């Protein structure tokens, strides 16, 4: 069993000893099959994944990827249809990981995501227009906010903001 702990990698340094040991064992012919949880576990980039797959192919090592249900030991082995699917999964997983890391970093810095809140002056103007008998759409247009924002429930915008 080969495993690595998640670490940050600096350019030019390899901090994945488990991956390196696995590749060395494959090259020495000590491994016949590799069982992986997912494709995102191998390599840090698409190039690393392709190099790993080529190393397995050259050494005659079969590969089973549990999450994607890919098995190269079958009668067809690694088909031409599996390769693009594996590459797409790898790209999607790495993109998702980058997004989640960015969201976690912004939360740690207390950076608010999403649309900015509506200015209180616009809310007050919409309330006054609604109380004056204007319709939701007209109040929204005149106050410079959306009709959906004018139509929000009482508890989120205040009791005077209710739609008649």
N, C-alpha and C. Protein backbone atom coordinates (compact mmCIF):
# COMPACT_ATOMS: atom_id res chain seq x y z
N UNK A 1 0.85 -1.17 0.00
CA UNK A 1 0.00 0.00 0.00
C UNK A 1 0.89 1.24 0.00
N UNK A 2 0.59 2.15 -0.88
CA UNK A 2 1.32 3.41 -0.98
C UNK A 2 0.34 4.53 -0.70
N UNK A 3 0.72 5.49 0.11
CA UNK A 3 -0.17 6.61 0.40
C UNK A 3 0.65 7.87 0.62
N UNK A 4 -0.01 9.00 0.43
CA UNK A 4 0.59 10.30 0.65
C UNK A 4 -0.37 11.16 1.45
N UNK A 5 0.18 12.08 2.18
CA UNK A 5 -0.63 13.06 2.89
C UNK A 5 -0.72 14.30 2.03
N UNK A 6 -1.87 14.99 2.01
CA UNK A 6 -1.97 16.22 1.22
C UNK A 6 -0.99 17.28 1.73
N UNK A 7 -0.16 17.80 0.84
CA UNK A 7 0.78 18.85 1.18
C UNK A 7 0.83 19.86 0.06
N UNK A 8 1.33 21.02 0.37
CA UNK A 8 1.55 22.00 -0.69
C UNK A 8 2.87 21.68 -1.36
N UNK A 9 2.94 21.95 -2.65
CA UNK A 9 4.14 21.62 -3.41
C UNK A 9 4.75 22.91 -3.93
N UNK A 10 6.03 23.04 -3.73
CA UNK A 10 6.75 24.16 -4.31
C UNK A 10 7.36 23.70 -5.61
N UNK A 11 7.52 24.62 -6.53
CA UNK A 11 8.10 24.27 -7.82
C UNK A 11 9.48 23.65 -7.63
N UNK A 12 9.68 22.55 -8.36
CA UNK A 12 10.99 21.91 -8.34
C UNK A 12 11.18 20.92 -7.21
N UNK A 13 10.22 20.80 -6.30
CA UNK A 13 10.36 19.84 -5.22
C UNK A 13 9.19 18.88 -5.26
N UNK A 14 9.48 17.61 -5.03
CA UNK A 14 8.42 16.59 -5.03
C UNK A 14 8.16 16.19 -3.59
N UNK A 15 6.97 16.40 -3.13
CA UNK A 15 6.62 16.05 -1.76
C UNK A 15 5.61 14.92 -1.72
N UNK A 16 5.65 14.01 -2.69
CA UNK A 16 4.74 12.87 -2.70
C UNK A 16 5.56 11.59 -2.74
N UNK A 17 6.14 11.20 -1.61
CA UNK A 17 7.00 10.01 -1.58
C UNK A 17 6.24 8.72 -1.88
N UNK A 18 4.96 8.64 -1.51
CA UNK A 18 4.17 7.44 -1.80
C UNK A 18 4.00 7.22 -3.29
N UNK A 19 3.71 8.31 -4.01
CA UNK A 19 3.56 8.21 -5.47
C UNK A 19 4.89 7.81 -6.12
N UNK A 20 5.98 8.42 -5.67
CA UNK A 20 7.30 8.08 -6.22
C UNK A 20 7.65 6.62 -5.95
N UNK A 21 7.35 6.13 -4.75
CA UNK A 21 7.64 4.74 -4.41
C UNK A 21 6.81 3.78 -5.26
N UNK A 22 5.54 4.12 -5.50
CA UNK A 22 4.69 3.29 -6.35
C UNK A 22 5.24 3.22 -7.77
N UNK A 23 5.61 4.35 -8.33
CA UNK A 23 6.16 4.36 -9.69
C UNK A 23 7.45 3.56 -9.77
N UNK A 24 8.30 3.67 -8.76
CA UNK A 24 9.54 2.89 -8.74
C UNK A 24 9.24 1.39 -8.68
N UNK A 25 8.27 1.00 -7.85
CA UNK A 25 7.90 -0.41 -7.73
C UNK A 25 7.32 -0.94 -9.05
N UNK A 26 6.54 -0.11 -9.74
CA UNK A 26 5.99 -0.52 -11.04
C UNK A 26 7.12 -0.73 -12.04
N UNK A 27 8.06 0.21 -12.07
CA UNK A 27 9.19 0.10 -13.02
C UNK A 27 10.07 -1.11 -12.73
N UNK A 28 10.20 -1.49 -11.45
CA UNK A 28 11.01 -2.66 -11.08
C UNK A 28 10.27 -3.97 -11.32
N UNK A 29 8.98 -3.90 -11.65
CA UNK A 29 8.19 -5.11 -11.90
C UNK A 29 7.65 -5.77 -10.65
N UNK A 30 7.60 -5.05 -9.55
CA UNK A 30 7.12 -5.60 -8.28
C UNK A 30 5.61 -5.52 -8.12
N UNK A 31 4.93 -4.80 -9.03
CA UNK A 31 3.49 -4.58 -8.93
C UNK A 31 2.81 -5.14 -10.17
N UNK A 32 1.72 -5.90 -9.96
CA UNK A 32 0.95 -6.44 -11.08
C UNK A 32 -0.32 -5.65 -11.32
N UNK A 33 -0.93 -5.17 -10.25
CA UNK A 33 -2.18 -4.41 -10.35
C UNK A 33 -2.15 -3.23 -9.39
N UNK A 34 -2.81 -2.15 -9.82
CA UNK A 34 -2.92 -0.97 -8.98
C UNK A 34 -4.41 -0.69 -8.77
N UNK A 35 -4.81 -0.59 -7.51
CA UNK A 35 -6.18 -0.22 -7.14
C UNK A 35 -6.13 1.20 -6.60
N UNK A 36 -6.91 2.08 -7.24
CA UNK A 36 -6.95 3.48 -6.83
C UNK A 36 -8.38 3.87 -6.51
N UNK A 37 -8.53 4.76 -5.54
CA UNK A 37 -9.87 5.25 -5.21
C UNK A 37 -10.39 6.12 -6.34
N UNK A 38 -9.59 7.07 -6.82
CA UNK A 38 -10.01 7.96 -7.89
C UNK A 38 -8.80 8.46 -8.66
N UNK A 39 -9.07 8.99 -9.84
CA UNK A 39 -7.99 9.48 -10.69
C UNK A 39 -7.30 10.71 -10.11
N UNK A 40 -8.02 11.45 -9.26
CA UNK A 40 -7.43 12.64 -8.68
C UNK A 40 -6.31 12.30 -7.71
N UNK A 41 -6.16 11.03 -7.36
CA UNK A 41 -5.12 10.61 -6.42
C UNK A 41 -3.76 10.45 -7.09
N UNK A 42 -3.72 10.43 -8.41
CA UNK A 42 -2.46 10.19 -9.09
C UNK A 42 -2.00 11.44 -9.82
N UNK A 43 -0.90 11.97 -9.43
CA UNK A 43 -0.31 13.11 -10.11
C UNK A 43 -0.97 14.41 -9.75
N UNK A 44 -0.26 15.47 -10.01
CA UNK A 44 -0.78 16.80 -9.73
C UNK A 44 -1.32 17.48 -10.97
N UNK A 45 -1.08 16.87 -12.12
CA UNK A 45 -1.53 17.49 -13.37
C UNK A 45 -1.95 16.41 -14.34
N UNK A 46 -2.53 16.84 -15.45
CA UNK A 46 -2.92 15.91 -16.50
C UNK A 46 -1.70 15.22 -17.09
N UNK A 47 -0.60 15.94 -17.18
CA UNK A 47 0.65 15.36 -17.69
C UNK A 47 1.14 14.25 -16.77
N UNK A 48 1.07 14.48 -15.45
CA UNK A 48 1.46 13.44 -14.49
C UNK A 48 0.58 12.20 -14.63
N UNK A 49 -0.72 12.40 -14.81
CA UNK A 49 -1.64 11.28 -14.97
C UNK A 49 -1.33 10.50 -16.23
N UNK A 50 -1.10 11.19 -17.34
CA UNK A 50 -0.76 10.51 -18.60
C UNK A 50 0.55 9.74 -18.47
N UNK A 51 1.54 10.30 -17.79
CA UNK A 51 2.81 9.61 -17.58
C UNK A 51 2.61 8.37 -16.73
N UNK A 52 1.76 8.46 -15.70
CA UNK A 52 1.48 7.30 -14.86
C UNK A 52 0.81 6.19 -15.66
N UNK A 53 -0.18 6.56 -16.47
CA UNK A 53 -0.87 5.56 -17.29
C UNK A 53 0.09 4.89 -18.28
N UNK A 54 0.99 5.66 -18.85
CA UNK A 54 1.97 5.11 -19.79
C UNK A 54 2.94 4.18 -19.06
N UNK A 55 3.34 4.54 -17.86
CA UNK A 55 4.22 3.68 -17.06
C UNK A 55 3.53 2.35 -16.77
N UNK A 56 2.26 2.40 -16.42
CA UNK A 56 1.50 1.17 -16.16
C UNK A 56 1.37 0.33 -17.43
N UNK A 57 1.10 0.97 -18.55
CA UNK A 57 0.95 0.24 -19.82
C UNK A 57 2.25 -0.45 -20.22
N UNK A 58 3.36 0.27 -20.13
CA UNK A 58 4.65 -0.29 -20.52
C UNK A 58 5.03 -1.46 -19.62
N UNK A 59 4.74 -1.36 -18.33
CA UNK A 59 5.10 -2.42 -17.38
C UNK A 59 4.09 -3.56 -17.36
N UNK A 60 2.98 -3.40 -18.08
CA UNK A 60 1.96 -4.44 -18.10
C UNK A 60 1.15 -4.52 -16.82
N UNK A 61 1.04 -3.42 -16.11
CA UNK A 61 0.31 -3.35 -14.85
C UNK A 61 -1.15 -3.01 -15.15
N UNK A 62 -2.07 -3.77 -14.55
CA UNK A 62 -3.49 -3.47 -14.72
C UNK A 62 -3.88 -2.41 -13.70
N UNK A 63 -4.92 -1.67 -14.04
CA UNK A 63 -5.34 -0.54 -13.22
C UNK A 63 -6.84 -0.64 -12.97
N UNK A 64 -7.23 -0.48 -11.72
CA UNK A 64 -8.64 -0.43 -11.35
C UNK A 64 -8.87 0.89 -10.62
N UNK A 65 -9.78 1.72 -11.17
CA UNK A 65 -10.12 3.00 -10.55
C UNK A 65 -11.55 2.86 -10.04
N UNK A 66 -11.69 2.85 -8.72
CA UNK A 66 -12.96 2.53 -8.09
C UNK A 66 -14.05 3.55 -8.39
N UNK A 67 -13.80 4.85 -8.19
CA UNK A 67 -14.85 5.87 -8.36
C UNK A 67 -15.40 5.91 -9.79
N UNK A 68 -14.55 5.70 -10.77
CA UNK A 68 -14.99 5.78 -12.16
C UNK A 68 -15.34 4.40 -12.73
N UNK A 69 -15.07 3.34 -12.00
CA UNK A 69 -15.38 1.99 -12.46
C UNK A 69 -14.57 1.58 -13.68
N UNK A 70 -13.33 2.01 -13.74
CA UNK A 70 -12.47 1.69 -14.88
C UNK A 70 -11.57 0.52 -14.51
N UNK A 71 -11.58 -0.50 -15.35
CA UNK A 71 -10.76 -1.69 -15.12
C UNK A 71 -10.02 -2.02 -16.41
N UNK A 72 -8.69 -1.97 -16.37
CA UNK A 72 -7.91 -2.24 -17.57
C UNK A 72 -7.59 -3.72 -17.72
N UNK A 73 -8.03 -4.55 -16.75
CA UNK A 73 -7.75 -5.98 -16.83
C UNK A 73 -8.78 -6.72 -17.69
N UNK A 74 -9.84 -6.04 -18.11
CA UNK A 74 -10.87 -6.68 -18.93
C UNK A 74 -10.34 -7.11 -20.28
N UNK A 75 -11.22 -7.69 -21.09
CA UNK A 75 -10.79 -8.23 -22.38
C UNK A 75 -10.27 -7.15 -23.32
N UNK A 76 -10.82 -5.95 -23.23
CA UNK A 76 -10.36 -4.87 -24.09
C UNK A 76 -9.26 -4.03 -23.46
N UNK A 77 -9.06 -4.17 -22.17
CA UNK A 77 -8.08 -3.33 -21.50
C UNK A 77 -8.51 -1.88 -21.49
N UNK A 78 -7.57 -1.02 -21.55
CA UNK A 78 -7.86 0.41 -21.57
C UNK A 78 -8.24 0.81 -22.98
N UNK A 79 -9.53 1.01 -23.19
CA UNK A 79 -9.99 1.33 -24.54
C UNK A 79 -9.78 2.80 -24.86
N UNK A 80 -9.94 3.13 -26.10
CA UNK A 80 -9.80 4.52 -26.52
C UNK A 80 -10.87 5.41 -25.89
N UNK A 81 -11.99 4.80 -25.50
CA UNK A 81 -13.07 5.58 -24.89
C UNK A 81 -12.79 5.88 -23.42
N UNK A 82 -11.99 5.05 -22.77
CA UNK A 82 -11.68 5.28 -21.36
C UNK A 82 -10.73 6.45 -21.17
N UNK A 83 -9.79 6.61 -22.08
CA UNK A 83 -8.78 7.65 -21.93
C UNK A 83 -9.40 9.07 -21.90
N UNK A 84 -10.24 9.45 -22.86
CA UNK A 84 -10.84 10.79 -22.77
C UNK A 84 -11.71 10.96 -21.53
N UNK A 85 -12.41 9.90 -21.14
CA UNK A 85 -13.25 9.98 -19.95
C UNK A 85 -12.39 10.20 -18.71
N UNK A 86 -11.28 9.49 -18.63
CA UNK A 86 -10.38 9.65 -17.49
C UNK A 86 -9.79 11.05 -17.47
N UNK A 87 -9.42 11.56 -18.63
CA UNK A 87 -8.84 12.90 -18.69
C UNK A 87 -9.88 13.96 -18.29
N UNK A 88 -11.12 13.78 -18.75
CA UNK A 88 -12.18 14.73 -18.40
C UNK A 88 -12.47 14.71 -16.90
N UNK A 89 -12.49 13.50 -16.32
CA UNK A 89 -12.73 13.39 -14.89
C UNK A 89 -11.61 14.06 -14.12
N UNK A 90 -10.39 13.84 -14.56
CA UNK A 90 -9.23 14.43 -13.89
C UNK A 90 -9.29 15.96 -13.94
N UNK A 91 -9.62 16.51 -15.10
CA UNK A 91 -9.72 17.97 -15.22
C UNK A 91 -10.82 18.52 -14.33
N UNK A 92 -11.98 17.84 -14.34
CA UNK A 92 -13.11 18.29 -13.53
C UNK A 92 -12.75 18.25 -12.04
N UNK A 93 -12.08 17.18 -11.61
CA UNK A 93 -11.71 17.07 -10.20
C UNK A 93 -10.68 18.11 -9.80
N UNK A 94 -9.71 18.35 -10.65
CA UNK A 94 -8.69 19.34 -10.30
C UNK A 94 -9.28 20.74 -10.29
N UNK A 95 -10.20 21.03 -11.22
CA UNK A 95 -10.86 22.33 -11.25
C UNK A 95 -11.70 22.52 -9.98
N UNK A 96 -12.43 21.48 -9.60
CA UNK A 96 -13.27 21.54 -8.40
C UNK A 96 -12.40 21.74 -7.16
N UNK A 97 -11.27 21.04 -7.09
CA UNK A 97 -10.37 21.20 -5.94
C UNK A 97 -9.84 22.62 -5.84
N UNK A 98 -9.47 23.21 -6.98
CA UNK A 98 -8.99 24.60 -6.97
C UNK A 98 -10.07 25.56 -6.49
N UNK A 99 -11.30 25.34 -6.94
CA UNK A 99 -12.41 26.20 -6.52
C UNK A 99 -12.64 26.08 -5.03
N UNK A 100 -12.67 24.85 -4.52
CA UNK A 100 -12.90 24.65 -3.08
C UNK A 100 -11.77 25.24 -2.24
N UNK A 101 -10.52 25.11 -2.71
CA UNK A 101 -9.40 25.72 -1.99
C UNK A 101 -9.54 27.25 -1.96
N UNK A 102 -9.95 27.82 -3.08
CA UNK A 102 -10.15 29.28 -3.15
C UNK A 102 -11.27 29.74 -2.23
N UNK A 103 -12.37 28.98 -2.19
CA UNK A 103 -13.48 29.34 -1.30
C UNK A 103 -13.06 29.24 0.15
N UNK A 104 -12.30 28.20 0.49
CA UNK A 104 -11.83 28.05 1.87
C UNK A 104 -10.90 29.19 2.25
N UNK A 105 -10.03 29.58 1.34
CA UNK A 105 -9.11 30.68 1.61
C UNK A 105 -9.87 32.00 1.79
N UNK A 106 -10.88 32.24 0.97
CA UNK A 106 -11.65 33.48 1.11
C UNK A 106 -12.46 33.48 2.41
N UNK A 107 -12.99 32.32 2.80
CA UNK A 107 -13.70 32.24 4.08
C UNK A 107 -12.74 32.52 5.24
N UNK A 108 -11.51 31.98 5.15
CA UNK A 108 -10.53 32.21 6.20
C UNK A 108 -10.17 33.68 6.32
N UNK A 109 -10.22 34.41 5.23
CA UNK A 109 -9.93 35.84 5.24
C UNK A 109 -11.17 36.69 5.44
N UNK A 110 -12.32 36.05 5.70
CA UNK A 110 -13.61 36.72 5.91
C UNK A 110 -14.02 37.56 4.72
N UNK A 111 -13.75 37.06 3.52
CA UNK A 111 -14.17 37.74 2.30
C UNK A 111 -15.56 37.24 1.95
N UNK A 112 -16.49 38.15 1.78
CA UNK A 112 -17.87 37.79 1.49
C UNK A 112 -18.01 37.51 0.00
N UNK A 113 -18.63 36.39 -0.35
CA UNK A 113 -18.86 36.03 -1.74
C UNK A 113 -20.31 36.32 -2.11
N UNK A 114 -20.56 36.45 -3.39
CA UNK A 114 -21.92 36.65 -3.87
C UNK A 114 -22.18 38.11 -4.20
N UNK A 115 -23.45 38.37 -4.45
CA UNK A 115 -23.84 39.74 -4.79
C UNK A 115 -23.72 40.65 -3.58
N UNK A 116 -23.38 41.90 -3.80
CA UNK A 116 -23.34 42.83 -2.68
C UNK A 116 -24.77 43.11 -2.20
N UNK A 117 -24.92 43.47 -0.94
CA UNK A 117 -26.27 43.77 -0.43
C UNK A 117 -26.85 45.01 -1.10
N UNK A 118 -28.17 45.08 -1.14
CA UNK A 118 -28.86 46.23 -1.73
C UNK A 118 -28.70 47.42 -0.80
N UNK A 119 -28.45 48.57 -1.37
CA UNK A 119 -28.26 49.79 -0.57
C UNK A 119 -29.54 50.10 0.22
N UNK A 120 -29.39 50.45 1.49
CA UNK A 120 -30.56 50.75 2.32
C UNK A 120 -31.43 51.88 1.75
N UNK A 121 -30.82 52.83 1.06
CA UNK A 121 -31.61 53.93 0.49
C UNK A 121 -32.57 53.41 -0.58
N UNK A 122 -32.12 52.44 -1.36
CA UNK A 122 -32.99 51.86 -2.40
C UNK A 122 -34.13 51.07 -1.77
N UNK A 123 -33.83 50.38 -0.67
CA UNK A 123 -34.87 49.62 0.03
C UNK A 123 -35.92 50.57 0.60
N UNK A 124 -35.47 51.64 1.22
CA UNK A 124 -36.39 52.63 1.80
C UNK A 124 -37.26 53.27 0.71
N UNK A 125 -36.64 53.57 -0.43
CA UNK A 125 -37.40 54.18 -1.54
C UNK A 125 -38.47 53.21 -2.03
N UNK A 126 -38.14 51.93 -2.15
CA UNK A 126 -39.11 50.93 -2.59
C UNK A 126 -40.25 50.79 -1.57
N UNK A 127 -39.92 50.84 -0.27
CA UNK A 127 -40.94 50.76 0.78
C UNK A 127 -41.91 51.93 0.67
N UNK A 128 -41.35 53.12 0.48
CA UNK A 128 -42.20 54.31 0.37
C UNK A 128 -43.11 54.21 -0.85
N UNK A 129 -42.57 53.73 -1.97
CA UNK A 129 -43.38 53.61 -3.19
C UNK A 129 -44.49 52.57 -3.01
N UNK A 130 -44.19 51.46 -2.34
CA UNK A 130 -45.22 50.45 -2.09
C UNK A 130 -46.30 50.99 -1.17
N UNK A 131 -45.89 51.70 -0.12
CA UNK A 131 -46.86 52.28 0.81
C UNK A 131 -47.70 53.36 0.14
N UNK A 132 -47.16 53.99 -0.91
CA UNK A 132 -47.91 55.02 -1.65
C UNK A 132 -48.87 54.39 -2.65
N UNK A 133 -48.88 53.05 -2.73
CA UNK A 133 -49.84 52.38 -3.60
C UNK A 133 -49.29 51.96 -4.96
N UNK A 134 -48.01 52.11 -5.16
CA UNK A 134 -47.41 51.68 -6.43
C UNK A 134 -47.33 50.14 -6.45
N UNK A 135 -47.31 49.58 -7.63
CA UNK A 135 -47.17 48.14 -7.78
C UNK A 135 -45.72 47.70 -7.58
N UNK A 136 -45.54 46.40 -7.47
CA UNK A 136 -44.21 45.85 -7.21
C UNK A 136 -43.25 46.19 -8.35
N UNK A 137 -43.69 45.98 -9.59
CA UNK A 137 -42.80 46.25 -10.73
C UNK A 137 -42.46 47.74 -10.84
N UNK A 138 -43.45 48.57 -10.63
CA UNK A 138 -43.22 50.01 -10.74
C UNK A 138 -42.30 50.49 -9.60
N UNK A 139 -42.53 49.98 -8.41
CA UNK A 139 -41.67 50.35 -7.27
C UNK A 139 -40.23 49.89 -7.51
N UNK A 140 -40.10 48.70 -8.08
CA UNK A 140 -38.76 48.19 -8.38
C UNK A 140 -38.06 49.06 -9.42
N UNK A 141 -38.78 49.38 -10.48
CA UNK A 141 -38.19 50.19 -11.55
C UNK A 141 -37.79 51.57 -11.03
N UNK A 142 -38.64 52.20 -10.25
CA UNK A 142 -38.37 53.55 -9.75
C UNK A 142 -37.27 53.58 -8.68
N UNK A 143 -37.13 52.50 -7.92
CA UNK A 143 -36.10 52.48 -6.88
C UNK A 143 -34.78 51.89 -7.36
N UNK A 144 -34.77 51.31 -8.56
CA UNK A 144 -33.52 50.80 -9.13
C UNK A 144 -33.11 49.44 -8.63
N UNK A 145 -34.08 48.62 -8.20
CA UNK A 145 -33.79 47.25 -7.79
C UNK A 145 -34.74 46.31 -8.52
N UNK A 146 -34.52 45.02 -8.39
CA UNK A 146 -35.35 44.07 -9.13
C UNK A 146 -36.70 43.88 -8.44
N UNK A 147 -37.67 43.40 -9.23
CA UNK A 147 -38.99 43.12 -8.67
C UNK A 147 -38.91 41.99 -7.65
N UNK A 148 -38.01 41.05 -7.87
CA UNK A 148 -37.85 39.95 -6.92
C UNK A 148 -37.37 40.48 -5.57
N UNK A 149 -36.50 41.48 -5.59
CA UNK A 149 -36.02 42.07 -4.34
C UNK A 149 -37.13 42.81 -3.62
N UNK A 150 -38.01 43.44 -4.37
CA UNK A 150 -39.15 44.14 -3.77
C UNK A 150 -40.14 43.14 -3.20
N UNK A 151 -40.26 41.99 -3.84
CA UNK A 151 -41.24 40.98 -3.45
C UNK A 151 -40.78 40.05 -2.34
N UNK A 152 -39.61 40.22 -1.80
CA UNK A 152 -39.11 39.31 -0.76
C UNK A 152 -40.04 39.32 0.44
N UNK A 153 -40.02 38.23 1.19
CA UNK A 153 -40.91 38.12 2.36
C UNK A 153 -40.66 39.23 3.38
N UNK A 154 -41.67 39.47 4.21
CA UNK A 154 -41.62 40.54 5.20
C UNK A 154 -40.43 40.41 6.14
N UNK A 155 -40.17 39.21 6.61
CA UNK A 155 -39.14 39.04 7.62
C UNK A 155 -37.74 39.35 7.11
N UNK A 156 -37.49 39.22 5.79
CA UNK A 156 -36.14 39.52 5.32
C UNK A 156 -35.95 40.99 4.95
N UNK A 157 -37.02 41.69 4.61
CA UNK A 157 -36.89 43.10 4.21
C UNK A 157 -37.60 44.06 5.16
N UNK A 158 -38.38 43.57 6.07
CA UNK A 158 -39.09 44.45 6.98
C UNK A 158 -40.59 44.39 6.72
N UNK A 159 -41.37 44.67 7.75
CA UNK A 159 -42.82 44.53 7.68
C UNK A 159 -43.45 45.47 6.66
N UNK A 160 -42.92 46.65 6.48
CA UNK A 160 -43.51 47.62 5.54
C UNK A 160 -43.25 47.24 4.09
N UNK A 161 -42.43 46.20 3.86
CA UNK A 161 -42.06 45.81 2.52
C UNK A 161 -42.98 44.74 1.95
N UNK A 162 -44.04 44.41 2.63
CA UNK A 162 -44.94 43.32 2.21
C UNK A 162 -45.68 43.70 0.95
N UNK A 163 -45.90 42.69 0.13
CA UNK A 163 -46.65 42.88 -1.12
C UNK A 163 -48.13 42.72 -0.82
N UNK A 164 -48.94 43.63 -1.32
CA UNK A 164 -50.39 43.58 -1.09
C UNK A 164 -51.03 42.53 -1.96
